[in-house]
Amino acid sequence: MGGVTGIQLIAIAFAAIMAYFSYTSWRRKELETREAFLWLAVWIALILISLFPERLRAVISPLQVARLLDLVIVGAILFLAVLTFALNRTVRRIEQRMTRLVQSLALREGQESSRD
């Protein structure tokens, strides 16, 4: 391994901090175990990619990617697309539940006020 560059150090520090936040969020029950493991895997992968970028060079050639950074960026964009889709789906489910809850409460309140 050659010398570690400044950007590698920044990526490693960032990933380590985010891994810590993921762990503490899990401990405070803000993340489920499955989510915490997913995020920890993401941060560990970022650390490994930053520490050993030469290991990915074998992947670059068959995929016809010009530079390693291009591969990392494409992977990050794909990950963000999946994450955005999952978040959108979750928000839609919460909206539907909230709508049903509000309707139920309104009906219950309407029934109680009609009894008076």
N, C-alpha and C. Protein backbone atom coordinates (compact mmCIF):
# COMPACT_ATOMS: atom_id res chain seq x y z
N MET A 1 0.85 -1.18 0.00
CA MET A 1 0.00 0.00 0.00
C MET A 1 0.89 1.22 0.00
N GLY A 2 0.59 2.18 -0.85
CA GLY A 2 1.33 3.42 -0.90
C GLY A 2 0.92 4.30 0.27
N GLY A 3 1.34 5.53 0.22
CA GLY A 3 0.97 6.47 1.27
C GLY A 3 -0.52 6.76 1.24
N VAL A 4 -1.07 7.00 2.39
CA VAL A 4 -2.49 7.34 2.50
C VAL A 4 -2.64 8.82 2.18
N THR A 5 -3.55 9.13 1.27
CA THR A 5 -3.75 10.52 0.86
C THR A 5 -4.69 11.24 1.82
N GLY A 6 -4.75 12.54 1.65
CA GLY A 6 -5.64 13.35 2.49
C GLY A 6 -7.10 12.97 2.35
N ILE A 7 -7.53 12.72 1.12
CA ILE A 7 -8.93 12.36 0.89
C ILE A 7 -9.25 11.00 1.51
N GLN A 8 -8.26 10.10 1.51
CA GLN A 8 -8.47 8.80 2.16
C GLN A 8 -8.63 8.99 3.66
N LEU A 9 -7.82 9.83 4.25
CA LEU A 9 -7.93 10.10 5.69
C LEU A 9 -9.28 10.72 6.03
N ILE A 10 -9.73 11.65 5.19
CA ILE A 10 -11.03 12.28 5.42
C ILE A 10 -12.14 11.24 5.33
N ALA A 11 -12.09 10.38 4.32
CA ALA A 11 -13.11 9.34 4.15
C ALA A 11 -13.10 8.36 5.33
N ILE A 12 -11.92 7.99 5.79
CA ILE A 12 -11.81 7.06 6.93
C ILE A 12 -12.35 7.70 8.19
N ALA A 13 -11.98 8.96 8.44
CA ALA A 13 -12.46 9.67 9.63
C ALA A 13 -13.98 9.82 9.58
N PHE A 14 -14.50 10.21 8.41
CA PHE A 14 -15.94 10.36 8.24
C PHE A 14 -16.66 9.05 8.51
N ALA A 15 -16.16 7.97 7.92
CA ALA A 15 -16.80 6.66 8.08
C ALA A 15 -16.75 6.19 9.53
N ALA A 16 -15.63 6.44 10.20
CA ALA A 16 -15.50 6.04 11.61
C ALA A 16 -16.49 6.82 12.49
N ILE A 17 -16.63 8.11 12.22
CA ILE A 17 -17.59 8.92 12.99
C ILE A 17 -19.01 8.46 12.72
N MET A 18 -19.33 8.19 11.46
CA MET A 18 -20.67 7.73 11.13
C MET A 18 -20.96 6.34 11.70
N ALA A 19 -19.94 5.48 11.75
CA ALA A 19 -20.11 4.16 12.37
C ALA A 19 -20.43 4.34 13.86
N TYR A 20 -19.74 5.27 14.49
CA TYR A 20 -20.01 5.56 15.91
C TYR A 20 -21.44 6.06 16.09
N PHE A 21 -21.88 6.99 15.23
CA PHE A 21 -23.25 7.50 15.31
C PHE A 21 -24.27 6.39 15.06
N SER A 22 -23.97 5.49 14.14
CA SER A 22 -24.87 4.37 13.88
C SER A 22 -24.98 3.49 15.12
N TYR A 23 -23.85 3.21 15.74
CA TYR A 23 -23.85 2.38 16.94
C TYR A 23 -24.62 3.04 18.08
N THR A 24 -24.36 4.33 18.32
CA THR A 24 -25.05 5.01 19.42
C THR A 24 -26.55 5.14 19.13
N SER A 25 -26.92 5.32 17.87
CA SER A 25 -28.34 5.38 17.51
C SER A 25 -29.01 4.03 17.77
N TRP A 26 -28.31 2.96 17.49
CA TRP A 26 -28.84 1.62 17.79
C TRP A 26 -28.99 1.42 19.29
N ARG A 27 -28.00 1.85 20.05
CA ARG A 27 -28.07 1.70 21.51
C ARG A 27 -29.24 2.49 22.11
N ARG A 28 -29.57 3.63 21.51
CA ARG A 28 -30.69 4.45 21.99
C ARG A 28 -32.02 4.00 21.39
N LYS A 29 -32.00 2.89 20.65
CA LYS A 29 -33.19 2.30 20.03
C LYS A 29 -33.78 3.22 18.94
N GLU A 30 -32.95 4.07 18.34
CA GLU A 30 -33.37 4.91 17.23
C GLU A 30 -33.26 4.15 15.91
N LEU A 31 -32.46 3.09 15.90
CA LEU A 31 -32.31 2.21 14.75
C LEU A 31 -32.60 0.78 15.18
N GLU A 32 -33.25 0.04 14.31
CA GLU A 32 -33.43 -1.39 14.57
C GLU A 32 -32.09 -2.08 14.31
N THR A 33 -31.94 -3.28 14.83
CA THR A 33 -30.69 -4.01 14.68
C THR A 33 -30.31 -4.20 13.22
N ARG A 34 -31.30 -4.54 12.40
CA ARG A 34 -31.06 -4.74 10.96
C ARG A 34 -30.53 -3.46 10.31
N GLU A 35 -31.14 -2.33 10.65
CA GLU A 35 -30.70 -1.05 10.09
C GLU A 35 -29.30 -0.69 10.56
N ALA A 36 -29.04 -0.92 11.84
CA ALA A 36 -27.72 -0.60 12.38
C ALA A 36 -26.65 -1.42 11.69
N PHE A 37 -26.91 -2.71 11.47
CA PHE A 37 -25.92 -3.55 10.78
C PHE A 37 -25.72 -3.10 9.34
N LEU A 38 -26.79 -2.70 8.68
CA LEU A 38 -26.67 -2.20 7.31
C LEU A 38 -25.77 -0.96 7.27
N TRP A 39 -26.03 -0.01 8.15
CA TRP A 39 -25.22 1.21 8.16
C TRP A 39 -23.78 0.93 8.58
N LEU A 40 -23.60 0.07 9.56
CA LEU A 40 -22.23 -0.28 9.95
C LEU A 40 -21.49 -0.93 8.78
N ALA A 41 -22.19 -1.77 8.03
CA ALA A 41 -21.57 -2.40 6.85
C ALA A 41 -21.17 -1.35 5.82
N VAL A 42 -22.02 -0.35 5.62
CA VAL A 42 -21.71 0.73 4.67
C VAL A 42 -20.45 1.47 5.11
N TRP A 43 -20.38 1.82 6.40
CA TRP A 43 -19.23 2.60 6.89
C TRP A 43 -17.96 1.77 6.89
N ILE A 44 -18.07 0.50 7.23
CA ILE A 44 -16.89 -0.37 7.19
C ILE A 44 -16.42 -0.54 5.75
N ALA A 45 -17.36 -0.68 4.82
CA ALA A 45 -16.99 -0.80 3.40
C ALA A 45 -16.26 0.46 2.93
N LEU A 46 -16.73 1.62 3.36
CA LEU A 46 -16.06 2.88 2.99
C LEU A 46 -14.64 2.92 3.55
N ILE A 47 -14.48 2.47 4.78
CA ILE A 47 -13.14 2.44 5.38
C ILE A 47 -12.23 1.49 4.59
N LEU A 48 -12.74 0.30 4.26
CA LEU A 48 -11.93 -0.67 3.53
C LEU A 48 -11.57 -0.18 2.12
N ILE A 49 -12.55 0.44 1.45
CA ILE A 49 -12.27 0.98 0.12
C ILE A 49 -11.23 2.09 0.21
N SER A 50 -11.33 2.90 1.26
CA SER A 50 -10.36 3.99 1.43
C SER A 50 -8.97 3.47 1.78
N LEU A 51 -8.91 2.42 2.58
CA LEU A 51 -7.61 1.87 2.99
C LEU A 51 -6.95 1.06 1.88
N PHE A 52 -7.76 0.31 1.12
CA PHE A 52 -7.21 -0.60 0.12
C PHE A 52 -7.81 -0.35 -1.26
N PRO A 53 -7.63 0.84 -1.82
CA PRO A 53 -8.25 1.13 -3.13
C PRO A 53 -7.70 0.26 -4.25
N GLU A 54 -6.47 -0.23 -4.10
CA GLU A 54 -5.88 -1.05 -5.17
C GLU A 54 -6.62 -2.38 -5.35
N ARG A 55 -7.33 -2.82 -4.32
CA ARG A 55 -8.09 -4.08 -4.41
C ARG A 55 -9.25 -3.97 -5.41
N LEU A 56 -9.73 -2.75 -5.63
CA LEU A 56 -10.85 -2.55 -6.55
C LEU A 56 -10.40 -2.37 -7.99
N ARG A 57 -9.13 -2.26 -8.19
CA ARG A 57 -8.62 -2.04 -9.56
C ARG A 57 -8.98 -3.22 -10.47
N ALA A 58 -9.10 -4.42 -9.92
CA ALA A 58 -9.49 -5.59 -10.72
C ALA A 58 -10.93 -5.48 -11.21
N VAL A 59 -11.74 -4.70 -10.49
CA VAL A 59 -13.14 -4.53 -10.87
C VAL A 59 -13.28 -3.47 -11.95
N ILE A 60 -12.38 -2.51 -11.95
CA ILE A 60 -12.48 -1.38 -12.87
C ILE A 60 -12.39 -1.81 -14.32
N SER A 61 -11.44 -2.65 -14.64
CA SER A 61 -11.20 -3.03 -16.04
C SER A 61 -12.40 -3.74 -16.68
N PRO A 62 -12.94 -4.81 -16.07
CA PRO A 62 -14.08 -5.49 -16.72
C PRO A 62 -15.32 -4.59 -16.84
N LEU A 63 -15.48 -3.65 -15.91
CA LEU A 63 -16.64 -2.76 -15.97
C LEU A 63 -16.41 -1.56 -16.88
N GLN A 64 -15.21 -1.47 -17.40
CA GLN A 64 -14.82 -0.38 -18.30
C GLN A 64 -15.05 0.99 -17.66
N VAL A 65 -14.64 1.09 -16.38
CA VAL A 65 -14.71 2.35 -15.65
C VAL A 65 -13.34 3.00 -15.75
N ALA A 66 -13.31 4.28 -16.06
CA ALA A 66 -12.03 4.96 -16.31
C ALA A 66 -11.17 5.06 -15.06
N ARG A 67 -11.78 5.44 -13.95
CA ARG A 67 -11.00 5.63 -12.72
C ARG A 67 -11.71 4.99 -11.54
N LEU A 68 -10.98 4.70 -10.51
CA LEU A 68 -11.54 4.12 -9.29
C LEU A 68 -12.58 5.04 -8.68
N LEU A 69 -12.30 6.33 -8.68
CA LEU A 69 -13.24 7.29 -8.12
C LEU A 69 -14.58 7.25 -8.86
N ASP A 70 -14.54 7.05 -10.17
CA ASP A 70 -15.77 6.93 -10.94
C ASP A 70 -16.61 5.73 -10.46
N LEU A 71 -15.94 4.62 -10.19
CA LEU A 71 -16.63 3.43 -9.71
C LEU A 71 -17.28 3.70 -8.35
N VAL A 72 -16.55 4.34 -7.47
CA VAL A 72 -17.07 4.66 -6.13
C VAL A 72 -18.27 5.60 -6.25
N ILE A 73 -18.17 6.59 -7.11
CA ILE A 73 -19.27 7.55 -7.28
C ILE A 73 -20.51 6.87 -7.85
N VAL A 74 -20.33 6.04 -8.85
CA VAL A 74 -21.47 5.31 -9.43
C VAL A 74 -22.11 4.42 -8.36
N GLY A 75 -21.29 3.72 -7.59
CA GLY A 75 -21.82 2.88 -6.50
C GLY A 75 -22.58 3.71 -5.48
N ALA A 76 -22.05 4.87 -5.14
CA ALA A 76 -22.73 5.74 -4.16
C ALA A 76 -24.06 6.25 -4.71
N ILE A 77 -24.09 6.60 -5.99
CA ILE A 77 -25.33 7.07 -6.60
C ILE A 77 -26.38 5.96 -6.61
N LEU A 78 -25.96 4.74 -6.93
CA LEU A 78 -26.90 3.61 -6.91
C LEU A 78 -27.42 3.36 -5.49
N PHE A 79 -26.53 3.42 -4.51
CA PHE A 79 -26.94 3.24 -3.11
C PHE A 79 -27.92 4.33 -2.70
N LEU A 80 -27.66 5.58 -3.08
CA LEU A 80 -28.56 6.68 -2.74
C LEU A 80 -29.92 6.51 -3.42
N ALA A 81 -29.93 5.99 -4.64
CA ALA A 81 -31.20 5.75 -5.34
C ALA A 81 -32.03 4.71 -4.59
N VAL A 82 -31.40 3.63 -4.17
CA VAL A 82 -32.11 2.59 -3.41
C VAL A 82 -32.60 3.16 -2.08
N LEU A 83 -31.76 3.92 -1.41
CA LEU A 83 -32.13 4.52 -0.14
C LEU A 83 -33.30 5.49 -0.30
N THR A 84 -33.27 6.30 -1.34
CA THR A 84 -34.35 7.25 -1.60
C THR A 84 -35.66 6.51 -1.88
N PHE A 85 -35.59 5.45 -2.66
CA PHE A 85 -36.79 4.65 -2.93
C PHE A 85 -37.35 4.07 -1.64
N ALA A 86 -36.49 3.50 -0.81
CA ALA A 86 -36.95 2.90 0.45
C ALA A 86 -37.55 3.96 1.38
N LEU A 87 -36.92 5.11 1.46
CA LEU A 87 -37.45 6.19 2.30
C LEU A 87 -38.80 6.68 1.77
N ASN A 88 -38.92 6.81 0.47
CA ASN A 88 -40.19 7.25 -0.13
C ASN A 88 -41.29 6.25 0.19
N ARG A 89 -40.98 4.98 0.07
CA ARG A 89 -41.96 3.93 0.37
C ARG A 89 -42.39 4.00 1.83
N THR A 90 -41.45 4.20 2.72
CA THR A 90 -41.76 4.30 4.15
C THR A 90 -42.62 5.51 4.45
N VAL A 91 -42.30 6.64 3.85
CA VAL A 91 -43.09 7.86 4.05
C VAL A 91 -44.52 7.65 3.56
N ARG A 92 -44.68 7.00 2.42
CA ARG A 92 -46.03 6.73 1.89
C ARG A 92 -46.82 5.85 2.86
N ARG A 93 -46.19 4.83 3.40
CA ARG A 93 -46.88 3.96 4.37
C ARG A 93 -47.31 4.74 5.60
N ILE A 94 -46.43 5.60 6.09
CA ILE A 94 -46.75 6.41 7.27
C ILE A 94 -47.90 7.37 6.95
N GLU A 95 -47.88 7.97 5.77
CA GLU A 95 -48.98 8.86 5.36
C GLU A 95 -50.30 8.11 5.32
N GLN A 96 -50.29 6.90 4.78
CA GLN A 96 -51.52 6.11 4.71
C GLN A 96 -52.02 5.76 6.10
N ARG A 97 -51.12 5.35 6.98
CA ARG A 97 -51.52 5.04 8.35
C ARG A 97 -52.08 6.26 9.06
N MET A 98 -51.43 7.40 8.85
CA MET A 98 -51.88 8.64 9.48
C MET A 98 -53.26 9.02 8.98
N THR A 99 -53.50 8.87 7.69
CA THR A 99 -54.81 9.19 7.11
C THR A 99 -55.87 8.29 7.73
N ARG A 100 -55.60 7.00 7.82
CA ARG A 100 -56.57 6.06 8.43
C ARG A 100 -56.81 6.41 9.90
N LEU A 101 -55.76 6.76 10.61
CA LEU A 101 -55.89 7.11 12.02
C LEU A 101 -56.73 8.37 12.20
N VAL A 102 -56.47 9.39 11.40
CA VAL A 102 -57.23 10.64 11.49
C VAL A 102 -58.69 10.39 11.14
N GLN A 103 -58.93 9.59 10.11
CA GLN A 103 -60.31 9.27 9.74
C GLN A 103 -61.01 8.53 10.86
N SER A 104 -60.32 7.57 11.46
CA SER A 104 -60.90 6.80 12.56
C SER A 104 -61.21 7.69 13.75
N LEU A 105 -60.28 8.57 14.09
CA LEU A 105 -60.50 9.47 15.22
C LEU A 105 -61.65 10.44 14.93
N ALA A 106 -61.73 10.92 13.69
CA ALA A 106 -62.82 11.83 13.33
C ALA A 106 -64.17 11.13 13.42
N LEU A 107 -64.24 9.89 12.93
CA LEU A 107 -65.50 9.13 13.03
C LEU A 107 -65.89 8.88 14.48
N ARG A 108 -64.91 8.51 15.29
CA ARG A 108 -65.17 8.25 16.71
C ARG A 108 -65.64 9.53 17.40
N GLU A 109 -64.99 10.65 17.10
CA GLU A 109 -65.38 11.92 17.69
C GLU A 109 -66.77 12.33 17.23
N GLY A 110 -67.07 12.08 15.95
CA GLY A 110 -68.39 12.38 15.42
C GLY A 110 -69.46 11.56 16.08
N GLN A 111 -69.19 10.30 16.36
CA GLN A 111 -70.16 9.42 17.01
C GLN A 111 -70.38 9.87 18.46
N GLU A 112 -69.31 10.25 19.12
CA GLU A 112 -69.43 10.70 20.52
C GLU A 112 -70.20 12.00 20.62
N SER A 113 -70.01 12.92 19.67
CA SER A 113 -70.69 14.20 19.72
C SER A 113 -72.17 14.05 19.35
N SER A 114 -72.50 13.03 18.54
CA SER A 114 -73.89 12.82 18.16
C SER A 114 -74.68 12.20 19.32
N ARG A 115 -74.01 11.55 20.24
CA ARG A 115 -74.67 10.97 21.41
C ARG A 115 -75.10 12.04 22.41
N ASP A 116 -74.35 13.14 22.39
CA ASP A 116 -74.65 14.22 23.37
C ASP A 116 -75.90 14.97 23.07
